[in-house]
Amino acid sequence: MTKADIAVEHAKGDADYKICMSACLHAKEKPTAVVAEDSDVFQLLTHHDSIADKDLYMVTSKQTVCVTTLAKKLDPLLSGALLFLHAFSGCDTTSRPYGIGKVSVLKKYAELERCSSIFMSPSSSKAEIERAGEDALLIIYGCTTSLSLDSARVDKFQQKVGTAT
């Protein structure tokens, strides 16, 4: 591939971040395509696209997406929360909450914006991050954030037992 003037880099372990950052840096100079099937790579490319000056594409076996065009069209709230939402709904390095998929989490991104901004802020304390994580789980499961996570779990359990036949 190198002989064909295709940039090649090797990474040990999970290479998603390295792939993304390398592609964004190449896209400063010329349009760049990343060939991958991994949604983690897509999320990272979309989040970091602002680094690129030229068009950035993701090519899968089914389609080619201009990440640059998509990133420009995204709601700013969603754009800022994208990595949080992706990680919180399950990715290569985190398990997803039981019974919750990516689509249901993305549909609640406006409600999760406060939790996301706390997670993404370097100045947030450990206690703030813990509370934001609990609130995010409560929101995802359709509970009020005035409850504790433990209380919500008991309520959900009682609802399930009450409706079991």
N, C-alpha and C. Protein backbone atom coordinates (compact mmCIF):
# COMPACT_ATOMS: atom_id res chain seq x y z
N MET A 1 0.82 -1.19 0.00
CA MET A 1 0.00 0.00 0.00
C MET A 1 0.87 1.26 0.00
N THR A 2 1.96 1.19 0.72
CA THR A 2 2.86 2.34 0.77
C THR A 2 3.38 2.68 -0.62
N LYS A 3 3.68 1.65 -1.42
CA LYS A 3 4.15 1.87 -2.79
C LYS A 3 3.10 2.60 -3.63
N ALA A 4 1.84 2.40 -3.30
CA ALA A 4 0.75 3.05 -4.04
C ALA A 4 0.41 4.41 -3.44
N ASP A 5 1.30 4.94 -2.59
CA ASP A 5 1.13 6.24 -1.93
C ASP A 5 -0.11 6.28 -1.03
N ILE A 6 -0.35 5.15 -0.37
CA ILE A 6 -1.44 5.07 0.61
C ILE A 6 -0.80 5.05 1.98
N ALA A 7 -1.23 5.99 2.84
CA ALA A 7 -0.67 6.08 4.18
C ALA A 7 -1.01 4.83 4.98
N VAL A 8 -0.01 4.25 5.59
CA VAL A 8 -0.18 3.04 6.39
C VAL A 8 0.48 3.25 7.74
N GLU A 9 -0.25 2.93 8.81
CA GLU A 9 0.32 2.98 10.16
C GLU A 9 -0.10 1.71 10.87
N HIS A 10 0.76 1.25 11.76
CA HIS A 10 0.46 0.05 12.53
C HIS A 10 0.22 0.46 13.98
N ALA A 11 -0.75 -0.19 14.61
CA ALA A 11 -1.07 0.10 16.00
C ALA A 11 -1.23 -1.21 16.75
N LYS A 12 -0.81 -1.20 17.99
CA LYS A 12 -1.01 -2.36 18.85
C LYS A 12 -2.35 -2.20 19.57
N GLY A 13 -3.09 -3.29 19.70
CA GLY A 13 -4.35 -3.23 20.42
C GLY A 13 -5.43 -2.48 19.64
N ASP A 14 -6.31 -1.81 20.37
CA ASP A 14 -7.42 -1.07 19.77
C ASP A 14 -6.90 0.19 19.10
N ALA A 15 -7.06 0.26 17.81
CA ALA A 15 -6.44 1.33 17.02
C ALA A 15 -7.43 2.41 16.58
N ASP A 16 -8.66 2.37 17.04
CA ASP A 16 -9.68 3.30 16.55
C ASP A 16 -9.26 4.76 16.66
N TYR A 17 -8.77 5.16 17.82
CA TYR A 17 -8.39 6.57 18.02
C TYR A 17 -7.23 6.94 17.11
N LYS A 18 -6.26 6.06 17.01
CA LYS A 18 -5.10 6.34 16.15
C LYS A 18 -5.53 6.47 14.69
N ILE A 19 -6.41 5.60 14.24
CA ILE A 19 -6.92 5.67 12.87
C ILE A 19 -7.60 7.01 12.64
N CYS A 20 -8.45 7.38 13.56
CA CYS A 20 -9.21 8.63 13.43
C CYS A 20 -8.29 9.85 13.38
N MET A 21 -7.38 9.94 14.33
CA MET A 21 -6.51 11.12 14.39
C MET A 21 -5.58 11.17 13.19
N SER A 22 -5.10 10.04 12.75
CA SER A 22 -4.24 9.98 11.57
C SER A 22 -5.02 10.46 10.34
N ALA A 23 -6.25 9.99 10.20
CA ALA A 23 -7.08 10.40 9.05
C ALA A 23 -7.36 11.89 9.09
N CYS A 24 -7.68 12.41 10.26
CA CYS A 24 -7.96 13.85 10.38
C CYS A 24 -6.73 14.69 10.04
N LEU A 25 -5.57 14.24 10.45
CA LEU A 25 -4.34 14.97 10.12
C LEU A 25 -4.04 14.91 8.62
N HIS A 26 -4.27 13.77 8.00
CA HIS A 26 -4.09 13.66 6.54
C HIS A 26 -5.09 14.55 5.81
N ALA A 27 -6.29 14.68 6.38
CA ALA A 27 -7.34 15.48 5.75
C ALA A 27 -7.09 16.98 5.88
N LYS A 28 -6.05 17.37 6.58
CA LYS A 28 -5.66 18.78 6.60
C LYS A 28 -5.10 19.17 5.23
N GLU A 29 -4.51 18.20 4.53
CA GLU A 29 -3.83 18.47 3.26
C GLU A 29 -4.61 18.01 2.03
N LYS A 30 -5.35 16.89 2.16
CA LYS A 30 -6.05 16.36 0.99
C LYS A 30 -7.25 15.55 1.45
N PRO A 31 -8.26 15.39 0.58
CA PRO A 31 -9.40 14.55 0.95
C PRO A 31 -8.90 13.16 1.36
N THR A 32 -9.52 12.62 2.40
CA THR A 32 -9.04 11.37 2.98
C THR A 32 -10.21 10.41 3.21
N ALA A 33 -9.97 9.15 2.93
CA ALA A 33 -10.99 8.11 3.15
C ALA A 33 -10.46 7.09 4.15
N VAL A 34 -11.33 6.71 5.08
CA VAL A 34 -11.02 5.66 6.04
C VAL A 34 -11.92 4.48 5.68
N VAL A 35 -11.32 3.33 5.45
CA VAL A 35 -12.08 2.12 5.14
C VAL A 35 -12.22 1.34 6.45
N ALA A 36 -13.45 1.24 6.94
CA ALA A 36 -13.69 0.57 8.22
C ALA A 36 -15.16 0.19 8.33
N GLU A 37 -15.43 -0.81 9.14
CA GLU A 37 -16.80 -1.25 9.40
C GLU A 37 -17.22 -0.91 10.84
N ASP A 38 -16.34 -0.33 11.60
CA ASP A 38 -16.51 -0.13 13.03
C ASP A 38 -17.24 1.18 13.34
N SER A 39 -18.35 1.10 14.06
CA SER A 39 -19.09 2.32 14.42
C SER A 39 -18.27 3.21 15.34
N ASP A 40 -17.35 2.63 16.11
CA ASP A 40 -16.49 3.46 16.97
C ASP A 40 -15.66 4.42 16.13
N VAL A 41 -15.13 3.94 15.02
CA VAL A 41 -14.33 4.79 14.13
C VAL A 41 -15.21 5.90 13.57
N PHE A 42 -16.42 5.56 13.18
CA PHE A 42 -17.34 6.56 12.63
C PHE A 42 -17.63 7.66 13.65
N GLN A 43 -17.91 7.27 14.89
CA GLN A 43 -18.20 8.26 15.94
C GLN A 43 -17.00 9.17 16.17
N LEU A 44 -15.82 8.58 16.25
CA LEU A 44 -14.60 9.37 16.46
C LEU A 44 -14.34 10.32 15.29
N LEU A 45 -14.50 9.84 14.08
CA LEU A 45 -14.30 10.70 12.90
C LEU A 45 -15.27 11.87 12.92
N THR A 46 -16.52 11.59 13.23
CA THR A 46 -17.53 12.65 13.27
C THR A 46 -17.20 13.68 14.33
N HIS A 47 -16.77 13.22 15.49
CA HIS A 47 -16.43 14.13 16.59
C HIS A 47 -15.20 14.98 16.27
N HIS A 48 -14.18 14.38 15.69
CA HIS A 48 -12.91 15.07 15.46
C HIS A 48 -12.78 15.69 14.07
N ASP A 49 -13.84 15.66 13.28
CA ASP A 49 -13.78 16.17 11.91
C ASP A 49 -13.31 17.62 11.81
N SER A 50 -13.55 18.42 12.83
CA SER A 50 -13.18 19.84 12.77
C SER A 50 -11.68 20.04 12.59
N ILE A 51 -10.88 19.04 12.90
CA ILE A 51 -9.43 19.11 12.70
C ILE A 51 -9.11 19.15 11.21
N ALA A 52 -9.93 18.49 10.42
CA ALA A 52 -9.67 18.34 8.98
C ALA A 52 -10.06 19.60 8.20
N ASP A 53 -9.23 19.97 7.23
CA ASP A 53 -9.54 21.09 6.33
C ASP A 53 -10.19 20.61 5.04
N LYS A 54 -9.90 19.40 4.65
CA LYS A 54 -10.45 18.80 3.42
C LYS A 54 -11.49 17.76 3.81
N ASP A 55 -12.20 17.25 2.81
CA ASP A 55 -13.25 16.27 3.08
C ASP A 55 -12.69 14.98 3.66
N LEU A 56 -13.44 14.43 4.59
CA LEU A 56 -13.08 13.18 5.26
C LEU A 56 -14.22 12.20 5.00
N TYR A 57 -13.89 11.02 4.51
CA TYR A 57 -14.90 10.02 4.16
C TYR A 57 -14.70 8.76 4.98
N MET A 58 -15.81 8.06 5.23
CA MET A 58 -15.74 6.72 5.79
C MET A 58 -16.36 5.78 4.77
N VAL A 59 -15.60 4.76 4.42
CA VAL A 59 -16.03 3.80 3.41
C VAL A 59 -16.28 2.46 4.10
N THR A 60 -17.50 1.94 3.94
CA THR A 60 -17.83 0.61 4.46
C THR A 60 -18.18 -0.27 3.27
N SER A 61 -18.48 -1.52 3.55
CA SER A 61 -18.85 -2.43 2.46
C SER A 61 -20.19 -2.04 1.84
N LYS A 62 -21.00 -1.26 2.57
CA LYS A 62 -22.33 -0.90 2.08
C LYS A 62 -22.42 0.51 1.51
N GLN A 63 -21.59 1.43 2.00
CA GLN A 63 -21.73 2.82 1.56
C GLN A 63 -20.48 3.64 1.84
N THR A 64 -20.45 4.81 1.23
CA THR A 64 -19.41 5.80 1.51
C THR A 64 -20.11 7.04 2.05
N VAL A 65 -19.65 7.53 3.20
CA VAL A 65 -20.26 8.69 3.84
C VAL A 65 -19.23 9.80 3.93
N CYS A 66 -19.63 11.00 3.52
CA CYS A 66 -18.76 12.16 3.71
C CYS A 66 -18.98 12.64 5.14
N VAL A 67 -18.05 12.30 6.01
CA VAL A 67 -18.15 12.64 7.42
C VAL A 67 -18.17 14.16 7.59
N THR A 68 -17.43 14.87 6.77
CA THR A 68 -17.36 16.33 6.85
C THR A 68 -18.74 16.95 6.64
N THR A 69 -19.44 16.51 5.62
CA THR A 69 -20.79 17.02 5.34
C THR A 69 -21.74 16.68 6.48
N LEU A 70 -21.68 15.46 6.95
CA LEU A 70 -22.55 15.03 8.05
C LEU A 70 -22.28 15.85 9.31
N ALA A 71 -21.02 16.04 9.65
CA ALA A 71 -20.66 16.78 10.87
C ALA A 71 -21.18 18.22 10.81
N LYS A 72 -21.17 18.82 9.64
CA LYS A 72 -21.66 20.20 9.49
C LYS A 72 -23.18 20.28 9.68
N LYS A 73 -23.88 19.20 9.38
CA LYS A 73 -25.34 19.19 9.47
C LYS A 73 -25.85 18.79 10.85
N LEU A 74 -24.98 18.27 11.69
CA LEU A 74 -25.40 17.80 13.01
C LEU A 74 -25.85 18.94 13.90
N ASP A 75 -26.86 18.67 14.69
CA ASP A 75 -27.28 19.60 15.73
C ASP A 75 -26.09 19.82 16.67
N PRO A 76 -25.76 21.07 17.01
CA PRO A 76 -24.61 21.32 17.88
C PRO A 76 -24.67 20.57 19.22
N LEU A 77 -25.88 20.42 19.78
CA LEU A 77 -26.02 19.66 21.03
C LEU A 77 -25.60 18.21 20.82
N LEU A 78 -26.05 17.63 19.73
CA LEU A 78 -25.71 16.23 19.44
C LEU A 78 -24.22 16.10 19.16
N SER A 79 -23.68 17.02 18.42
CA SER A 79 -22.25 16.98 18.09
C SER A 79 -21.39 16.98 19.35
N GLY A 80 -21.74 17.84 20.30
CA GLY A 80 -20.97 17.93 21.54
C GLY A 80 -21.13 16.71 22.43
N ALA A 81 -22.26 16.03 22.29
CA ALA A 81 -22.55 14.89 23.16
C ALA A 81 -22.24 13.55 22.52
N LEU A 82 -21.81 13.55 21.27
CA LEU A 82 -21.68 12.32 20.50
C LEU A 82 -20.80 11.25 21.16
N LEU A 83 -19.61 11.62 21.60
CA LEU A 83 -18.72 10.61 22.21
C LEU A 83 -19.30 10.06 23.50
N PHE A 84 -19.89 10.93 24.30
CA PHE A 84 -20.52 10.49 25.54
C PHE A 84 -21.65 9.51 25.24
N LEU A 85 -22.52 9.88 24.30
CA LEU A 85 -23.65 9.02 23.95
C LEU A 85 -23.18 7.68 23.40
N HIS A 86 -22.16 7.72 22.58
CA HIS A 86 -21.63 6.49 21.99
C HIS A 86 -21.06 5.57 23.08
N ALA A 87 -20.24 6.13 23.95
CA ALA A 87 -19.65 5.32 25.02
C ALA A 87 -20.72 4.82 25.99
N PHE A 88 -21.68 5.69 26.30
CA PHE A 88 -22.70 5.33 27.28
C PHE A 88 -23.65 4.26 26.74
N SER A 89 -23.80 4.19 25.43
CA SER A 89 -24.70 3.19 24.85
C SER A 89 -23.96 1.94 24.40
N GLY A 90 -22.68 1.85 24.76
CA GLY A 90 -21.89 0.66 24.47
C GLY A 90 -21.00 0.84 23.26
N CYS A 91 -19.74 0.49 23.44
CA CYS A 91 -18.76 0.55 22.35
C CYS A 91 -17.70 -0.52 22.63
N ASP A 92 -16.57 -0.45 21.93
CA ASP A 92 -15.54 -1.47 22.11
C ASP A 92 -15.05 -1.58 23.55
N THR A 93 -15.06 -0.47 24.27
CA THR A 93 -14.46 -0.47 25.61
C THR A 93 -15.48 -0.38 26.74
N THR A 94 -16.77 -0.25 26.44
CA THR A 94 -17.79 -0.21 27.49
C THR A 94 -18.98 -1.08 27.11
N SER A 95 -19.58 -1.71 28.09
CA SER A 95 -20.78 -2.50 27.85
C SER A 95 -21.98 -1.57 27.79
N ARG A 96 -22.99 -1.96 27.04
CA ARG A 96 -24.19 -1.13 26.98
C ARG A 96 -25.12 -1.51 28.12
N PRO A 97 -25.95 -0.56 28.57
CA PRO A 97 -26.93 -0.90 29.60
C PRO A 97 -27.92 -1.93 29.07
N TYR A 98 -28.37 -2.83 29.91
CA TYR A 98 -29.27 -3.91 29.51
C TYR A 98 -30.54 -3.34 28.86
N GLY A 99 -30.86 -3.85 27.69
CA GLY A 99 -32.11 -3.48 27.02
C GLY A 99 -32.11 -2.12 26.35
N ILE A 100 -30.98 -1.46 26.31
CA ILE A 100 -30.90 -0.11 25.74
C ILE A 100 -29.99 -0.15 24.52
N GLY A 101 -30.48 0.37 23.41
CA GLY A 101 -29.70 0.40 22.19
C GLY A 101 -29.24 1.80 21.84
N LYS A 102 -28.41 1.89 20.82
CA LYS A 102 -27.87 3.18 20.37
C LYS A 102 -28.97 4.16 19.98
N VAL A 103 -29.97 3.67 19.25
CA VAL A 103 -31.02 4.56 18.76
C VAL A 103 -31.79 5.19 19.91
N SER A 104 -32.15 4.40 20.91
CA SER A 104 -32.92 4.95 22.03
C SER A 104 -32.10 5.99 22.81
N VAL A 105 -30.80 5.79 22.90
CA VAL A 105 -29.94 6.77 23.58
C VAL A 105 -29.83 8.04 22.74
N LEU A 106 -29.64 7.89 21.45
CA LEU A 106 -29.54 9.07 20.57
C LEU A 106 -30.83 9.90 20.58
N LYS A 107 -31.96 9.25 20.70
CA LYS A 107 -33.24 9.97 20.75
C LYS A 107 -33.36 10.84 22.00
N LYS A 108 -32.59 10.52 23.03
CA LYS A 108 -32.66 11.28 24.28
C LYS A 108 -31.48 12.23 24.47
N TYR A 109 -30.78 12.54 23.37
CA TYR A 109 -29.56 13.34 23.51
C TYR A 109 -29.81 14.71 24.11
N ALA A 110 -30.95 15.34 23.83
CA ALA A 110 -31.21 16.67 24.40
C ALA A 110 -31.35 16.58 25.92
N GLU A 111 -32.03 15.52 26.39
CA GLU A 111 -32.19 15.31 27.83
C GLU A 111 -30.85 14.98 28.50
N LEU A 112 -29.95 14.36 27.74
CA LEU A 112 -28.66 13.93 28.29
C LEU A 112 -27.55 14.97 28.13
N GLU A 113 -27.87 16.13 27.57
CA GLU A 113 -26.85 17.14 27.28
C GLU A 113 -26.11 17.59 28.54
N ARG A 114 -26.85 17.82 29.63
CA ARG A 114 -26.20 18.26 30.88
C ARG A 114 -25.24 17.19 31.38
N CYS A 115 -25.66 15.94 31.36
CA CYS A 115 -24.80 14.84 31.81
C CYS A 115 -23.55 14.76 30.93
N SER A 116 -23.76 14.90 29.64
CA SER A 116 -22.64 14.85 28.69
C SER A 116 -21.64 15.96 28.94
N SER A 117 -22.13 17.18 29.14
CA SER A 117 -21.21 18.30 29.34
C SER A 117 -20.41 18.14 30.62
N ILE A 118 -21.00 17.56 31.65
CA ILE A 118 -20.26 17.30 32.89
C ILE A 118 -19.18 16.25 32.63
N PHE A 119 -19.54 15.17 31.93
CA PHE A 119 -18.56 14.13 31.60
C PHE A 119 -17.41 14.67 30.78
N MET A 120 -17.71 15.54 29.83
CA MET A 120 -16.69 16.02 28.89
C MET A 120 -15.85 17.17 29.45
N SER A 121 -16.26 17.74 30.56
CA SER A 121 -15.53 18.88 31.13
C SER A 121 -14.35 18.42 31.99
N PRO A 122 -13.15 18.89 31.68
CA PRO A 122 -11.99 18.51 32.50
C PRO A 122 -12.06 19.05 33.93
N SER A 123 -12.91 20.05 34.15
CA SER A 123 -12.99 20.65 35.49
C SER A 123 -14.03 19.99 36.39
N SER A 124 -14.77 19.00 35.88
CA SER A 124 -15.78 18.32 36.69
C SER A 124 -15.11 17.47 37.77
N SER A 125 -15.72 17.50 38.95
CA SER A 125 -15.20 16.69 40.05
C SER A 125 -15.67 15.24 39.90
N LYS A 126 -15.04 14.35 40.66
CA LYS A 126 -15.43 12.94 40.63
C LYS A 126 -16.89 12.79 41.06
N ALA A 127 -17.30 13.53 42.08
CA ALA A 127 -18.68 13.45 42.57
C ALA A 127 -19.67 13.94 41.50
N GLU A 128 -19.32 15.00 40.78
CA GLU A 128 -20.18 15.51 39.71
C GLU A 128 -20.32 14.48 38.59
N ILE A 129 -19.21 13.85 38.26
CA ILE A 129 -19.23 12.84 37.19
C ILE A 129 -20.06 11.63 37.62
N GLU A 130 -19.91 11.20 38.87
CA GLU A 130 -20.70 10.07 39.37
C GLU A 130 -22.20 10.39 39.31
N ARG A 131 -22.58 11.58 39.77
CA ARG A 131 -23.99 11.97 39.76
C ARG A 131 -24.52 12.08 38.32
N ALA A 132 -23.70 12.64 37.43
CA ALA A 132 -24.11 12.76 36.03
C ALA A 132 -24.29 11.38 35.40
N GLY A 133 -23.44 10.43 35.77
CA GLY A 133 -23.58 9.06 35.28
C GLY A 133 -24.87 8.42 35.76
N GLU A 134 -25.18 8.62 37.04
CA GLU A 134 -26.43 8.10 37.59
C GLU A 134 -27.63 8.75 36.90
N ASP A 135 -27.56 10.08 36.74
CA ASP A 135 -28.66 10.79 36.08
C ASP A 135 -28.85 10.30 34.65
N ALA A 136 -27.74 10.05 33.95
CA ALA A 136 -27.83 9.56 32.57
C ALA A 136 -28.54 8.20 32.53
N LEU A 137 -28.18 7.31 33.43
CA LEU A 137 -28.86 6.01 33.49
C LEU A 137 -30.34 6.17 33.80
N LEU A 138 -30.66 7.06 34.73
CA LEU A 138 -32.07 7.30 35.07
C LEU A 138 -32.84 7.81 33.85
N ILE A 139 -32.25 8.75 33.12
CA ILE A 139 -32.90 9.30 31.93
C ILE A 139 -33.08 8.22 30.87
N ILE A 140 -32.04 7.44 30.64
CA ILE A 140 -32.09 6.38 29.62
C ILE A 140 -33.19 5.37 29.93
N TYR A 141 -33.37 5.06 31.21
CA TYR A 141 -34.39 4.09 31.60
C TYR A 141 -35.75 4.74 31.85
N GLY A 142 -35.88 6.04 31.56
CA GLY A 142 -37.17 6.71 31.67
C GLY A 142 -37.60 7.04 33.09
N CYS A 143 -36.65 7.21 33.99
CA CYS A 143 -36.95 7.54 35.38
C CYS A 143 -36.68 9.02 35.64
N THR A 144 -37.23 9.54 36.71
CA THR A 144 -36.96 10.92 37.08
C THR A 144 -35.60 11.02 37.76
N THR A 145 -34.88 12.09 37.50
CA THR A 145 -33.55 12.25 38.08
C THR A 145 -33.60 12.67 39.55
N SER A 146 -34.81 12.88 40.08
CA SER A 146 -34.91 13.19 41.51
C SER A 146 -34.75 11.93 42.35
N LEU A 147 -34.89 10.77 41.73
CA LEU A 147 -34.68 9.49 42.42
C LEU A 147 -33.19 9.16 42.46
N SER A 148 -32.83 8.32 43.41
CA SER A 148 -31.48 7.75 43.37
C SER A 148 -31.55 6.55 42.43
N LEU A 149 -30.42 6.13 41.96
CA LEU A 149 -30.38 4.97 41.07
C LEU A 149 -30.91 3.72 41.79
N ASP A 150 -30.56 3.58 43.08
CA ASP A 150 -31.04 2.44 43.86
C ASP A 150 -32.57 2.45 43.96
N SER A 151 -33.16 3.62 44.24
CA SER A 151 -34.62 3.72 44.34
C SER A 151 -35.28 3.40 43.01
N ALA A 152 -34.70 3.89 41.94
CA ALA A 152 -35.25 3.63 40.60
C ALA A 152 -35.20 2.14 40.28
N ARG A 153 -34.13 1.47 40.67
CA ARG A 153 -34.02 0.03 40.43
C ARG A 153 -35.10 -0.73 41.19
N VAL A 154 -35.35 -0.33 42.44
CA VAL A 154 -36.41 -0.97 43.24
C VAL A 154 -37.76 -0.73 42.58
N ASP A 155 -38.02 0.52 42.16
CA ASP A 155 -39.30 0.84 41.50
C ASP A 155 -39.49 0.01 40.24
N LYS A 156 -38.47 -0.08 39.41
CA LYS A 156 -38.56 -0.86 38.16
C LYS A 156 -38.80 -2.34 38.48
N PHE A 157 -38.11 -2.86 39.49
CA PHE A 157 -38.30 -4.25 39.89
C PHE A 157 -39.74 -4.49 40.34
N GLN A 158 -40.26 -3.59 41.18
CA GLN A 158 -41.63 -3.74 41.66
C GLN A 158 -42.64 -3.66 40.51
N GLN A 159 -42.37 -2.80 39.54
CA GLN A 159 -43.25 -2.71 38.36
C GLN A 159 -43.25 -4.03 37.59
N LYS A 160 -42.07 -4.60 37.42
CA LYS A 160 -41.95 -5.87 36.69
C LYS A 160 -42.67 -6.99 37.43
N VAL A 161 -42.48 -7.05 38.75
CA VAL A 161 -43.14 -8.09 39.55
C VAL A 161 -44.65 -7.88 39.53
N GLY A 162 -45.07 -6.63 39.60
CA GLY A 162 -46.51 -6.31 39.61
C GLY A 162 -47.21 -6.66 38.31
N THR A 163 -46.49 -6.62 37.21
CA THR A 163 -47.11 -6.91 35.91
C THR A 163 -46.86 -8.34 35.44
N ALA A 164 -46.07 -9.11 36.20
CA ALA A 164 -45.78 -10.50 35.82
C ALA A 164 -47.01 -11.36 36.04
N THR A 165 -47.24 -12.27 35.13
CA THR A 165 -48.40 -13.16 35.30
C THR A 165 -47.96 -14.59 35.38
